[in-house]
Amino acid sequence: MVTEERKLANGAQRIDFETDPSRYRHWRLAVEGTIATLTMDVDENGGLFEGYQLKLNSYDLGVDIELADAVARLRFEHPQVRVVILRSGKARTFCAGANIRMLAGASHAHKVNFCKFTNETRNAIEDAS
């Protein structure tokens, strides 16, 4: 059963959209001159909500919050960057996609807003090219 009172992981009281590369749990950002590397290495136990693991570099809102932050930082803090390399920190996979268990337990409103935020983040990547 899906409820609006779904518990955030690690006792968090709210979803925090304020982050920076030193706080990333799922991404590593490196900039060398005009080349940036974004490495996706999702912490399996780093889900935003209780009740699922982020296996095979699957993602939830927490992973996308970090990606959106990295894209904005590249745009505004590193305007000299001309190439961004996206890579996986996992040996045999890049990304399994959105975490199905997270979606199964989410309210309709969360799913809608998650999809919108994910699309906005991907559009920001496309707009930067």
N, C-alpha and C. Protein backbone atom coordinates (compact mmCIF):
# COMPACT_ATOMS: atom_id res chain seq x y z
N MET A 1 0.83 -1.18 0.00
CA MET A 1 0.00 0.00 0.00
C MET A 1 0.88 1.24 0.00
N VAL A 2 0.55 2.19 -0.81
CA VAL A 2 1.29 3.44 -0.90
C VAL A 2 0.64 4.47 0.02
N THR A 3 1.46 5.13 0.81
CA THR A 3 0.93 6.18 1.68
C THR A 3 1.73 7.45 1.46
N GLU A 4 1.13 8.56 1.80
CA GLU A 4 1.82 9.85 1.69
C GLU A 4 2.86 10.00 2.78
N GLU A 5 2.83 9.14 3.80
CA GLU A 5 3.72 9.25 4.95
C GLU A 5 4.95 8.36 4.82
N ARG A 6 5.39 8.10 3.63
CA ARG A 6 6.56 7.25 3.41
C ARG A 6 7.76 7.82 4.14
N LYS A 7 8.50 6.96 4.84
CA LYS A 7 9.61 7.42 5.67
C LYS A 7 10.87 7.63 4.85
N LEU A 8 11.49 8.77 5.10
CA LEU A 8 12.79 9.05 4.50
C LEU A 8 13.84 8.20 5.19
N ALA A 9 14.88 7.84 4.48
CA ALA A 9 15.96 7.02 5.03
C ALA A 9 16.78 7.81 6.04
N ASN A 10 17.44 7.10 6.92
CA ASN A 10 18.38 7.65 7.89
C ASN A 10 17.76 8.71 8.80
N GLY A 11 16.47 8.61 9.05
CA GLY A 11 15.81 9.52 9.98
C GLY A 11 15.64 10.94 9.49
N ALA A 12 15.87 11.17 8.20
CA ALA A 12 15.73 12.53 7.65
C ALA A 12 14.28 13.01 7.81
N GLN A 13 14.13 14.29 8.00
CA GLN A 13 12.81 14.88 8.17
C GLN A 13 12.26 15.50 6.89
N ARG A 14 13.15 15.79 5.95
CA ARG A 14 12.72 16.41 4.70
C ARG A 14 13.72 16.07 3.60
N ILE A 15 13.31 16.25 2.36
CA ILE A 15 14.21 16.06 1.23
C ILE A 15 15.02 17.33 1.09
N ASP A 16 16.33 17.19 1.05
CA ASP A 16 17.25 18.33 0.99
C ASP A 16 17.79 18.46 -0.43
N PHE A 17 17.47 19.56 -1.09
CA PHE A 17 17.95 19.80 -2.44
C PHE A 17 19.26 20.56 -2.47
N GLU A 18 19.75 20.97 -1.31
CA GLU A 18 21.01 21.70 -1.24
C GLU A 18 22.15 20.69 -1.09
N THR A 19 23.03 20.69 -2.06
CA THR A 19 24.16 19.78 -2.02
C THR A 19 25.33 20.43 -2.73
N ASP A 20 26.47 19.78 -2.67
CA ASP A 20 27.66 20.21 -3.40
C ASP A 20 28.53 18.98 -3.60
N PRO A 21 29.50 19.04 -4.49
CA PRO A 21 30.29 17.85 -4.80
C PRO A 21 30.92 17.16 -3.59
N SER A 22 31.23 17.89 -2.54
CA SER A 22 31.83 17.25 -1.36
C SER A 22 30.82 16.40 -0.60
N ARG A 23 29.53 16.60 -0.86
CA ARG A 23 28.48 15.85 -0.18
C ARG A 23 27.84 14.78 -1.07
N TYR A 24 28.25 14.69 -2.32
CA TYR A 24 27.66 13.70 -3.22
C TYR A 24 27.88 12.29 -2.68
N ARG A 25 26.85 11.46 -2.74
CA ARG A 25 26.95 10.05 -2.38
C ARG A 25 26.99 9.16 -3.61
N HIS A 26 26.53 9.68 -4.74
CA HIS A 26 26.31 8.84 -5.92
C HIS A 26 27.09 9.25 -7.16
N TRP A 27 27.69 10.41 -7.14
CA TRP A 27 28.42 10.93 -8.29
C TRP A 27 29.77 11.46 -7.84
N ARG A 28 30.74 11.42 -8.76
CA ARG A 28 32.02 12.11 -8.56
C ARG A 28 32.19 13.05 -9.75
N LEU A 29 32.57 14.28 -9.46
CA LEU A 29 32.77 15.29 -10.49
C LEU A 29 34.22 15.72 -10.47
N ALA A 30 34.87 15.64 -11.62
CA ALA A 30 36.25 16.09 -11.76
C ALA A 30 36.34 16.99 -12.98
N VAL A 31 37.04 18.10 -12.83
CA VAL A 31 37.22 19.04 -13.93
C VAL A 31 38.70 19.28 -14.12
N GLU A 32 39.16 19.06 -15.36
CA GLU A 32 40.55 19.34 -15.73
C GLU A 32 40.52 20.16 -17.01
N GLY A 33 40.71 21.45 -16.85
CA GLY A 33 40.70 22.35 -18.00
C GLY A 33 39.34 22.37 -18.66
N THR A 34 39.30 21.97 -19.93
CA THR A 34 38.04 22.00 -20.69
C THR A 34 37.30 20.67 -20.67
N ILE A 35 37.79 19.70 -19.88
CA ILE A 35 37.18 18.38 -19.82
C ILE A 35 36.69 18.10 -18.40
N ALA A 36 35.43 17.68 -18.30
CA ALA A 36 34.86 17.28 -17.01
C ALA A 36 34.49 15.80 -17.10
N THR A 37 34.63 15.11 -15.99
CA THR A 37 34.21 13.72 -15.90
C THR A 37 33.20 13.59 -14.77
N LEU A 38 32.05 13.04 -15.10
CA LEU A 38 31.01 12.73 -14.12
C LEU A 38 30.93 11.22 -14.01
N THR A 39 31.25 10.70 -12.85
CA THR A 39 31.24 9.26 -12.63
C THR A 39 30.05 8.88 -11.76
N MET A 40 29.19 8.03 -12.30
CA MET A 40 28.02 7.55 -11.56
C MET A 40 28.42 6.30 -10.79
N ASP A 41 28.39 6.39 -9.49
CA ASP A 41 28.75 5.26 -8.63
C ASP A 41 27.78 5.25 -7.45
N VAL A 42 26.57 4.80 -7.73
CA VAL A 42 25.46 4.90 -6.78
C VAL A 42 25.69 4.01 -5.57
N ASP A 43 25.53 4.60 -4.40
CA ASP A 43 25.61 3.88 -3.13
C ASP A 43 24.34 3.04 -2.99
N GLU A 44 24.47 1.71 -3.05
CA GLU A 44 23.30 0.82 -2.99
C GLU A 44 22.42 1.10 -1.78
N ASN A 45 23.03 1.47 -0.68
CA ASN A 45 22.28 1.71 0.55
C ASN A 45 21.95 3.19 0.73
N GLY A 46 22.05 3.97 -0.32
CA GLY A 46 21.85 5.41 -0.23
C GLY A 46 20.52 5.89 -0.78
N GLY A 47 19.49 5.03 -0.73
CA GLY A 47 18.17 5.44 -1.20
C GLY A 47 17.60 6.58 -0.37
N LEU A 48 16.82 7.41 -1.00
CA LEU A 48 16.23 8.56 -0.32
C LEU A 48 15.16 8.13 0.68
N PHE A 49 14.45 7.05 0.37
CA PHE A 49 13.41 6.52 1.24
C PHE A 49 13.81 5.15 1.76
N GLU A 50 13.14 4.70 2.82
CA GLU A 50 13.37 3.36 3.35
C GLU A 50 12.72 2.34 2.42
N GLY A 51 13.25 1.11 2.43
CA GLY A 51 12.56 0.00 1.78
C GLY A 51 13.11 -0.46 0.44
N TYR A 52 14.22 0.07 -0.02
CA TYR A 52 14.79 -0.41 -1.28
C TYR A 52 16.28 -0.12 -1.32
N GLN A 53 16.98 -0.87 -2.18
CA GLN A 53 18.39 -0.62 -2.45
C GLN A 53 18.52 -0.12 -3.88
N LEU A 54 19.53 0.66 -4.11
CA LEU A 54 19.79 1.21 -5.45
C LEU A 54 20.80 0.31 -6.16
N LYS A 55 20.35 -0.87 -6.57
CA LYS A 55 21.23 -1.84 -7.21
C LYS A 55 21.52 -1.46 -8.66
N LEU A 56 22.69 -1.87 -9.14
CA LEU A 56 23.10 -1.70 -10.54
C LEU A 56 23.04 -0.25 -11.00
N ASN A 57 23.45 0.67 -10.11
CA ASN A 57 23.44 2.09 -10.44
C ASN A 57 22.05 2.58 -10.83
N SER A 58 21.01 1.98 -10.25
CA SER A 58 19.67 2.52 -10.48
C SER A 58 19.57 3.85 -9.74
N TYR A 59 18.57 4.64 -10.09
CA TYR A 59 18.51 5.97 -9.48
C TYR A 59 17.14 6.28 -8.89
N ASP A 60 17.18 7.17 -7.92
CA ASP A 60 15.98 7.74 -7.32
C ASP A 60 16.16 9.25 -7.30
N LEU A 61 15.29 9.95 -6.62
CA LEU A 61 15.37 11.41 -6.59
C LEU A 61 16.69 11.90 -6.01
N GLY A 62 17.22 11.21 -5.01
CA GLY A 62 18.49 11.62 -4.41
C GLY A 62 19.64 11.60 -5.41
N VAL A 63 19.67 10.59 -6.26
CA VAL A 63 20.70 10.50 -7.30
C VAL A 63 20.54 11.65 -8.29
N ASP A 64 19.30 11.93 -8.66
CA ASP A 64 19.05 13.00 -9.63
C ASP A 64 19.27 14.39 -9.06
N ILE A 65 19.06 14.57 -7.77
CA ILE A 65 19.36 15.87 -7.15
C ILE A 65 20.84 16.18 -7.32
N GLU A 66 21.69 15.18 -7.10
CA GLU A 66 23.13 15.37 -7.27
C GLU A 66 23.49 15.63 -8.72
N LEU A 67 22.88 14.89 -9.65
CA LEU A 67 23.16 15.10 -11.07
C LEU A 67 22.76 16.51 -11.50
N ALA A 68 21.59 16.96 -11.08
CA ALA A 68 21.14 18.32 -11.42
C ALA A 68 22.11 19.36 -10.87
N ASP A 69 22.61 19.14 -9.66
CA ASP A 69 23.57 20.06 -9.06
C ASP A 69 24.86 20.08 -9.88
N ALA A 70 25.34 18.90 -10.27
CA ALA A 70 26.58 18.83 -11.05
C ALA A 70 26.44 19.54 -12.40
N VAL A 71 25.30 19.36 -13.06
CA VAL A 71 25.06 20.01 -14.35
C VAL A 71 25.06 21.53 -14.19
N ALA A 72 24.40 22.02 -13.15
CA ALA A 72 24.37 23.47 -12.91
C ALA A 72 25.76 24.00 -12.57
N ARG A 73 26.52 23.25 -11.78
CA ARG A 73 27.88 23.69 -11.43
C ARG A 73 28.77 23.74 -12.66
N LEU A 74 28.64 22.75 -13.53
CA LEU A 74 29.44 22.79 -14.76
C LEU A 74 29.09 24.02 -15.59
N ARG A 75 27.83 24.33 -15.66
CA ARG A 75 27.39 25.48 -16.46
C ARG A 75 27.88 26.80 -15.89
N PHE A 76 27.76 26.98 -14.58
CA PHE A 76 28.03 28.30 -13.99
C PHE A 76 29.40 28.44 -13.33
N GLU A 77 29.94 27.37 -12.78
CA GLU A 77 31.24 27.45 -12.11
C GLU A 77 32.39 27.06 -13.03
N HIS A 78 32.08 26.31 -14.09
CA HIS A 78 33.13 25.83 -15.00
C HIS A 78 32.72 26.07 -16.46
N PRO A 79 32.47 27.32 -16.84
CA PRO A 79 31.99 27.58 -18.21
C PRO A 79 33.01 27.23 -19.29
N GLN A 80 34.26 27.02 -18.89
CA GLN A 80 35.30 26.66 -19.86
C GLN A 80 35.16 25.22 -20.34
N VAL A 81 34.40 24.40 -19.64
CA VAL A 81 34.26 22.98 -19.99
C VAL A 81 33.56 22.85 -21.34
N ARG A 82 34.16 22.07 -22.23
CA ARG A 82 33.62 21.83 -23.56
C ARG A 82 33.19 20.38 -23.76
N VAL A 83 33.72 19.49 -22.92
CA VAL A 83 33.43 18.06 -23.04
C VAL A 83 33.12 17.52 -21.65
N VAL A 84 32.03 16.75 -21.55
CA VAL A 84 31.70 16.07 -20.30
C VAL A 84 31.65 14.58 -20.59
N ILE A 85 32.47 13.84 -19.88
CA ILE A 85 32.50 12.38 -20.02
C ILE A 85 31.64 11.81 -18.90
N LEU A 86 30.61 11.05 -19.28
CA LEU A 86 29.77 10.34 -18.30
C LEU A 86 30.26 8.90 -18.26
N ARG A 87 30.60 8.44 -17.07
CA ARG A 87 31.09 7.07 -16.95
C ARG A 87 30.51 6.42 -15.72
N SER A 88 30.66 5.12 -15.64
CA SER A 88 30.17 4.36 -14.50
C SER A 88 31.32 4.02 -13.57
N GLY A 89 31.04 4.01 -12.30
CA GLY A 89 32.00 3.54 -11.31
C GLY A 89 31.84 2.06 -11.04
N LYS A 90 30.87 1.42 -11.71
CA LYS A 90 30.61 -0.01 -11.56
C LYS A 90 31.28 -0.76 -12.71
N ALA A 91 31.68 -1.98 -12.44
CA ALA A 91 32.47 -2.75 -13.40
C ALA A 91 31.73 -3.09 -14.69
N ARG A 92 30.50 -3.58 -14.61
CA ARG A 92 29.87 -4.12 -15.81
C ARG A 92 28.55 -3.46 -16.19
N THR A 93 28.26 -2.33 -15.63
CA THR A 93 26.99 -1.68 -15.96
C THR A 93 27.12 -0.17 -15.86
N PHE A 94 26.34 0.53 -16.66
CA PHE A 94 26.31 1.99 -16.50
C PHE A 94 25.17 2.37 -15.57
N CYS A 95 23.93 2.11 -15.97
CA CYS A 95 22.78 2.50 -15.15
C CYS A 95 21.59 1.63 -15.51
N ALA A 96 20.94 1.06 -14.50
CA ALA A 96 19.77 0.22 -14.72
C ALA A 96 18.50 1.03 -14.94
N GLY A 97 18.55 2.34 -14.72
CA GLY A 97 17.37 3.19 -14.87
C GLY A 97 16.78 3.54 -13.52
N ALA A 98 15.57 4.06 -13.55
CA ALA A 98 14.89 4.44 -12.30
C ALA A 98 14.65 3.19 -11.46
N ASN A 99 14.79 3.32 -10.16
CA ASN A 99 14.63 2.18 -9.25
C ASN A 99 13.15 1.79 -9.17
N ILE A 100 12.86 0.57 -9.61
CA ILE A 100 11.48 0.09 -9.68
C ILE A 100 10.86 -0.03 -8.29
N ARG A 101 11.62 -0.48 -7.32
CA ARG A 101 11.07 -0.61 -5.95
C ARG A 101 10.73 0.76 -5.37
N MET A 102 11.54 1.75 -5.66
CA MET A 102 11.23 3.11 -5.20
C MET A 102 9.92 3.57 -5.83
N LEU A 103 9.77 3.35 -7.13
CA LEU A 103 8.56 3.77 -7.82
C LEU A 103 7.33 3.02 -7.32
N ALA A 104 7.49 1.72 -7.03
CA ALA A 104 6.36 0.91 -6.57
C ALA A 104 5.80 1.41 -5.25
N GLY A 105 6.66 1.94 -4.39
CA GLY A 105 6.21 2.40 -3.09
C GLY A 105 5.88 3.87 -3.02
N ALA A 106 6.02 4.57 -4.13
CA ALA A 106 5.82 6.03 -4.12
C ALA A 106 4.36 6.39 -4.38
N SER A 107 3.96 7.53 -3.85
CA SER A 107 2.63 8.06 -4.13
C SER A 107 2.58 8.53 -5.59
N HIS A 108 1.38 8.68 -6.09
CA HIS A 108 1.22 9.18 -7.46
C HIS A 108 1.88 10.55 -7.62
N ALA A 109 1.68 11.43 -6.65
CA ALA A 109 2.26 12.78 -6.72
C ALA A 109 3.79 12.71 -6.77
N HIS A 110 4.38 11.82 -5.96
CA HIS A 110 5.85 11.69 -5.97
C HIS A 110 6.31 11.21 -7.34
N LYS A 111 5.63 10.20 -7.90
CA LYS A 111 6.02 9.67 -9.21
C LYS A 111 5.98 10.76 -10.28
N VAL A 112 4.89 11.53 -10.28
CA VAL A 112 4.75 12.60 -11.27
C VAL A 112 5.87 13.61 -11.13
N ASN A 113 6.12 14.07 -9.92
CA ASN A 113 7.16 15.08 -9.70
C ASN A 113 8.56 14.52 -9.92
N PHE A 114 8.79 13.26 -9.58
CA PHE A 114 10.07 12.61 -9.85
C PHE A 114 10.32 12.59 -11.36
N CYS A 115 9.32 12.19 -12.13
CA CYS A 115 9.48 12.14 -13.59
C CYS A 115 9.73 13.52 -14.17
N LYS A 116 9.02 14.53 -13.67
CA LYS A 116 9.24 15.90 -14.14
C LYS A 116 10.66 16.36 -13.83
N PHE A 117 11.11 16.13 -12.60
CA PHE A 117 12.45 16.56 -12.21
C PHE A 117 13.51 15.84 -13.03
N THR A 118 13.32 14.53 -13.24
CA THR A 118 14.25 13.75 -14.05
C THR A 118 14.31 14.30 -15.47
N ASN A 119 13.16 14.59 -16.05
CA ASN A 119 13.13 15.15 -17.41
C ASN A 119 13.79 16.52 -17.46
N GLU A 120 13.53 17.36 -16.47
CA GLU A 120 14.15 18.68 -16.43
C GLU A 120 15.68 18.56 -16.35
N THR A 121 16.15 17.60 -15.57
CA THR A 121 17.60 17.39 -15.44
C THR A 121 18.19 16.95 -16.77
N ARG A 122 17.54 15.99 -17.45
CA ARG A 122 18.04 15.52 -18.75
C ARG A 122 17.97 16.64 -19.78
N ASN A 123 16.93 17.45 -19.73
CA ASN A 123 16.83 18.59 -20.65
C ASN A 123 17.94 19.60 -20.41
N ALA A 124 18.32 19.80 -19.15
CA ALA A 124 19.43 20.72 -18.85
C ALA A 124 20.73 20.21 -19.45
N ILE A 125 20.91 18.89 -19.44
CA ILE A 125 22.11 18.31 -20.07
C ILE A 125 22.07 18.57 -21.57
N GLU A 126 20.92 18.32 -22.18
CA GLU A 126 20.79 18.55 -23.62
C GLU A 126 20.96 20.02 -23.97
N ASP A 127 20.38 20.91 -23.18
CA ASP A 127 20.49 22.35 -23.45
C ASP A 127 21.93 22.85 -23.34
N ALA A 128 22.73 22.17 -22.55
CA ALA A 128 24.12 22.59 -22.37
C ALA A 128 25.00 22.20 -23.55
N SER A 129 24.49 21.35 -24.43
CA SER A 129 25.32 20.88 -25.54
C SER A 129 25.25 21.80 -26.74
